[in-house]
Amino acid sequence: MSKQIFVNLPVKDLKRSMAFYEAIGFRNNPQFSDDAGACMVVSDIIFVMLLTHEKFRQFSSKRIIDARTEAGVLISISTASNDELNTFVGQALEAGGREYRDPQDLGFMQLRCFEDPDGNNWEVTYVDMSKFPAPIS
């Protein structure tokens, strides 16, 4: 069995956050969702758990940061093409996300970054391996 990844994010408004993540293509798994948290399915092995602050505090005694002013984690996700990257980020912006840095074109890699309504940082990449630089020998 493959290992699964669960990214747990504290959110202030669960319904707003669920709507945002559904707008960017994640789907809710109601089996693991309730009024204090929602399991958003990214893929067969990756899930984003949206947890109210009260629920999040059940798992950590640390202070919950304000992701709009402090960075706790950068979540990176890859896409299969540059068009998919731009569509994904476009959906995030239309759903209320904010692009927090200029897009980057490194020739072999495209990168765009957005934050969700709670300020959590997402980096979206497309890497064209045919353009990846050869190692220097």
C-alpha atoms as a PDB file:
ATOM      1  CA  MET A   1       0.000   0.000   0.000  1.00  0.00           C
ATOM      2  CA  SER A   2       1.254   3.471  -0.850  1.00  0.00           C
ATOM      3  CA  LYS A   3       1.807   5.933   1.944  1.00  0.00           C
ATOM      4  CA  GLN A   4      -0.781   8.673   2.156  1.00  0.00           C
ATOM      5  CA  ILE A   5      -0.116  12.342   2.880  1.00  0.00           C
ATOM      6  CA  PHE A   6      -2.512  14.430   4.963  1.00  0.00           C
ATOM      7  CA  VAL A   7      -1.854  18.172   5.022  1.00  0.00           C
ATOM      8  CA  ASN A   8      -3.730  19.579   8.030  1.00  0.00           C
ATOM      9  CA  LEU A   9      -4.620  23.271   7.809  1.00  0.00           C
ATOM     10  CA  PRO A  10      -6.300  25.403  10.460  1.00  0.00           C
ATOM     11  CA  VAL A  11      -9.084  27.494   8.926  1.00  0.00           C
ATOM     12  CA  LYS A  12     -11.255  30.268  10.317  1.00  0.00           C
ATOM     13  CA  ASP A  13     -14.327  29.621   8.152  1.00  0.00           C
ATOM     14  CA  LEU A  14     -14.722  25.943   7.251  1.00  0.00           C
ATOM     15  CA  LYS A  15     -17.503  26.408   4.680  1.00  0.00           C
ATOM     16  CA  ARG A  16     -15.599  29.198   2.879  1.00  0.00           C
ATOM     17  CA  SER A  17     -12.434  27.096   2.837  1.00  0.00           C
ATOM     18  CA  MET A  18     -14.287  24.045   1.522  1.00  0.00           C
ATOM     19  CA  ALA A  19     -15.805  26.152  -1.269  1.00  0.00           C
ATOM     20  CA  PHE A  20     -12.342  27.491  -2.152  1.00  0.00           C
ATOM     21  CA  TYR A  21     -10.758  24.042  -2.354  1.00  0.00           C
ATOM     22  CA  GLU A  22     -13.701  22.616  -4.305  1.00  0.00           C
ATOM     23  CA  ALA A  23     -13.310  25.516  -6.769  1.00  0.00           C
ATOM     24  CA  ILE A  24      -9.699  24.508  -7.454  1.00  0.00           C
ATOM     25  CA  GLY A  25     -10.671  20.906  -8.139  1.00  0.00           C
ATOM     26  CA  PHE A  26     -10.320  19.132  -4.788  1.00  0.00           C
ATOM     27  CA  ARG A  27     -13.336  17.082  -3.787  1.00  0.00           C
ATOM     28  CA  ASN A  28     -14.792  16.605  -0.348  1.00  0.00           C
ATOM     29  CA  ASN A  29     -14.882  13.159   1.225  1.00  0.00           C
ATOM     30  CA  PRO A  30     -17.932  13.400   3.497  1.00  0.00           C
ATOM     31  CA  GLN A  31     -16.989  10.148   5.237  1.00  0.00           C
ATOM     32  CA  PHE A  32     -14.143  12.023   6.975  1.00  0.00           C
ATOM     33  CA  SER A  33     -15.839  15.417   7.298  1.00  0.00           C
ATOM     34  CA  ASP A  34     -18.065  17.031   9.889  1.00  0.00           C
ATOM     35  CA  ASP A  35     -18.828  20.519  11.214  1.00  0.00           C
ATOM     36  CA  ALA A  36     -15.287  20.843  12.635  1.00  0.00           C
ATOM     37  CA  GLY A  37     -13.250  19.513   9.723  1.00  0.00           C
ATOM     38  CA  ALA A  38     -13.338  18.523   6.078  1.00  0.00           C
ATOM     39  CA  CYS A  39     -11.275  16.013   4.164  1.00  0.00           C
ATOM     40  CA  MET A  40     -10.485  17.424   0.720  1.00  0.00           C
ATOM     41  CA  VAL A  41      -9.185  14.824  -1.738  1.00  0.00           C
ATOM     42  CA  VAL A  42      -6.304  15.915  -3.954  1.00  0.00           C
ATOM     43  CA  SER A  43      -5.465  12.443  -5.298  1.00  0.00           C
ATOM     44  CA  ASP A  44      -5.602   8.807  -4.236  1.00  0.00           C
ATOM     45  CA  ILE A  45      -2.783   9.425  -1.756  1.00  0.00           C
ATOM     46  CA  ILE A  46      -2.912  13.161  -0.934  1.00  0.00           C
ATOM     47  CA  PHE A  47      -5.536  14.845   1.221  1.00  0.00           C
ATOM     48  CA  VAL A  48      -5.964  18.306   2.708  1.00  0.00           C
ATOM     49  CA  MET A  49      -7.675  18.299   6.083  1.00  0.00           C
ATOM     50  CA  LEU A  50      -9.359  21.631   6.745  1.00  0.00           C
ATOM     51  CA  LEU A  51      -9.799  21.968  10.501  1.00  0.00           C
ATOM     52  CA  THR A  52     -11.488  24.692  12.522  1.00  0.00           C
ATOM     53  CA  HIS A  53      -9.107  26.313  14.988  1.00  0.00           C
ATOM     54  CA  GLU A  54     -10.837  24.488  17.840  1.00  0.00           C
ATOM     55  CA  LYS A  55     -10.391  21.128  16.117  1.00  0.00           C
ATOM     56  CA  PHE A  56      -6.777  21.896  15.123  1.00  0.00           C
ATOM     57  CA  ARG A  57      -5.952  22.658  18.788  1.00  0.00           C
ATOM     58  CA  GLN A  58      -6.892  19.057  19.646  1.00  0.00           C
ATOM     59  CA  PHE A  59      -3.802  17.935  17.704  1.00  0.00           C
ATOM     60  CA  SER A  60      -1.284  20.598  18.703  1.00  0.00           C
ATOM     61  CA  SER A  61      -0.743  22.684  21.795  1.00  0.00           C
ATOM     62  CA  LYS A  62       1.287  25.227  19.792  1.00  0.00           C
ATOM     63  CA  ARG A  63      -0.120  28.636  18.952  1.00  0.00           C
ATOM     64  CA  ILE A  64      -1.826  28.700  15.562  1.00  0.00           C
ATOM     65  CA  ILE A  65      -0.029  31.182  13.336  1.00  0.00           C
ATOM     66  CA  ASP A  66      -1.735  33.815  11.243  1.00  0.00           C
ATOM     67  CA  ALA A  67      -0.692  32.510   7.830  1.00  0.00           C
ATOM     68  CA  ARG A  68      -1.387  35.940   6.332  1.00  0.00           C
ATOM     69  CA  THR A  69       1.579  37.390   8.236  1.00  0.00           C
ATOM     70  CA  GLU A  70       3.710  34.352   9.139  1.00  0.00           C
ATOM     71  CA  ALA A  71       4.862  31.394   7.054  1.00  0.00           C
ATOM     72  CA  GLY A  72       4.665  27.999   8.689  1.00  0.00           C
ATOM     73  CA  VAL A  73       4.811  25.793   5.617  1.00  0.00           C
ATOM     74  CA  LEU A  74       4.992  26.033   1.831  1.00  0.00           C
ATOM     75  CA  ILE A  75       2.807  23.430   0.157  1.00  0.00           C
ATOM     76  CA  SER A  76       4.002  22.508  -3.321  1.00  0.00           C
ATOM     77  CA  ILE A  77       1.987  20.685  -5.942  1.00  0.00           C
ATOM     78  CA  SER A  78       2.992  19.716  -9.464  1.00  0.00           C
ATOM     79  CA  THR A  79       0.970  19.863 -12.656  1.00  0.00           C
ATOM     80  CA  ALA A  80       1.253  17.914 -15.902  1.00  0.00           C
ATOM     81  CA  SER A  81       1.577  20.987 -18.131  1.00  0.00           C
ATOM     82  CA  ASN A  82       2.032  24.740 -18.077  1.00  0.00           C
ATOM     83  CA  ASP A  83      -1.593  25.135 -19.208  1.00  0.00           C
ATOM     84  CA  GLU A  84      -2.756  23.026 -16.248  1.00  0.00           C
ATOM     85  CA  LEU A  85      -0.599  25.165 -13.930  1.00  0.00           C
ATOM     86  CA  ASN A  86      -2.168  28.396 -15.198  1.00  0.00           C
ATOM     87  CA  THR A  87      -5.700  26.970 -15.096  1.00  0.00           C
ATOM     88  CA  PHE A  88      -5.207  25.731 -11.515  1.00  0.00           C
ATOM     89  CA  VAL A  89      -3.846  29.064 -10.278  1.00  0.00           C
ATOM     90  CA  GLY A  90      -6.540  30.917 -12.233  1.00  0.00           C
ATOM     91  CA  GLN A  91      -9.212  28.888 -10.441  1.00  0.00           C
ATOM     92  CA  ALA A  92      -7.582  29.697  -7.101  1.00  0.00           C
ATOM     93  CA  LEU A  93      -7.576  33.419  -7.853  1.00  0.00           C
ATOM     94  CA  GLU A  94     -11.201  33.373  -9.045  1.00  0.00           C
ATOM     95  CA  ALA A  95     -12.191  31.543  -5.835  1.00  0.00           C
ATOM     96  CA  GLY A  96     -10.646  34.215  -3.589  1.00  0.00           C
ATOM     97  CA  GLY A  97      -6.990  33.216  -3.454  1.00  0.00           C
ATOM     98  CA  ARG A  98      -4.191  35.758  -3.843  1.00  0.00           C
ATOM     99  CA  GLU A  99      -1.042  35.404  -5.942  1.00  0.00           C
ATOM    100  CA  TYR A 100       1.746  36.382  -3.540  1.00  0.00           C
ATOM    101  CA  ARG A 101       4.741  36.460  -5.867  1.00  0.00           C
ATOM    102  CA  ASP A 102       5.381  37.007  -9.532  1.00  0.00           C
ATOM    103  CA  PRO A 103       5.271  33.932 -11.792  1.00  0.00           C
ATOM    104  CA  GLN A 104       8.713  32.454 -12.485  1.00  0.00           C
ATOM    105  CA  ASP A 105       9.958  30.907 -15.709  1.00  0.00           C
ATOM    106  CA  LEU A 106      13.217  29.023 -15.213  1.00  0.00           C
ATOM    107  CA  GLY A 107      13.151  27.551 -18.710  1.00  0.00           C
ATOM    108  CA  PHE A 108      12.687  23.978 -17.512  1.00  0.00           C
ATOM    109  CA  MET A 109      10.291  24.907 -14.698  1.00  0.00           C
ATOM    110  CA  GLN A 110       7.313  27.217 -14.378  1.00  0.00           C
ATOM    111  CA  LEU A 111       6.236  28.350 -10.896  1.00  0.00           C
ATOM    112  CA  ARG A 112       3.235  30.296  -9.650  1.00  0.00           C
ATOM    113  CA  CYS A 113       2.280  30.838  -6.025  1.00  0.00           C
ATOM    114  CA  PHE A 114      -1.011  31.635  -4.316  1.00  0.00           C
ATOM    115  CA  GLU A 115      -2.419  31.728  -0.835  1.00  0.00           C
ATOM    116  CA  ASP A 116      -5.817  30.398   0.193  1.00  0.00           C
ATOM    117  CA  PRO A 117      -8.356  32.552   2.076  1.00  0.00           C
ATOM    118  CA  ASP A 118      -6.543  31.818   5.360  1.00  0.00           C
ATOM    119  CA  GLY A 119      -3.152  32.776   3.928  1.00  0.00           C
ATOM    120  CA  ASN A 120      -1.729  29.247   3.545  1.00  0.00           C
ATOM    121  CA  ASN A 121       0.947  29.237   0.825  1.00  0.00           C
ATOM    122  CA  TRP A 122       0.730  26.998  -2.235  1.00  0.00           C
ATOM    123  CA  GLU A 123       3.476  26.712  -4.861  1.00  0.00           C
ATOM    124  CA  VAL A 124       2.304  25.247  -8.171  1.00  0.00           C
ATOM    125  CA  THR A 125       4.951  23.951 -10.565  1.00  0.00           C
ATOM    126  CA  TYR A 126       5.330  22.458 -13.991  1.00  0.00           C
ATOM    127  CA  VAL A 127       8.702  20.871 -14.783  1.00  0.00           C
ATOM    128  CA  ASP A 128       9.543  19.994 -18.392  1.00  0.00           C
ATOM    129  CA  MET A 129      12.181  17.292 -17.946  1.00  0.00           C
ATOM    130  CA  SER A 130      13.186  17.553 -21.630  1.00  0.00           C
ATOM    131  CA  LYS A 131      14.457  21.050 -20.825  1.00  0.00           C
ATOM    132  CA  PHE A 132      16.036  20.127 -17.479  1.00  0.00           C
ATOM    133  CA  PRO A 133      19.709  21.196 -17.438  1.00  0.00           C
ATOM    134  CA  ALA A 134      22.288  18.424 -17.714  1.00  0.00           C
ATOM    135  CA  PRO A 135      24.527  18.033 -14.668  1.00  0.00           C
ATOM    136  CA  ILE A 136      27.956  19.573 -14.896  1.00  0.00           C
ATOM    137  CA  SER A 137      30.619  16.874 -14.907  1.00  0.00           C
END
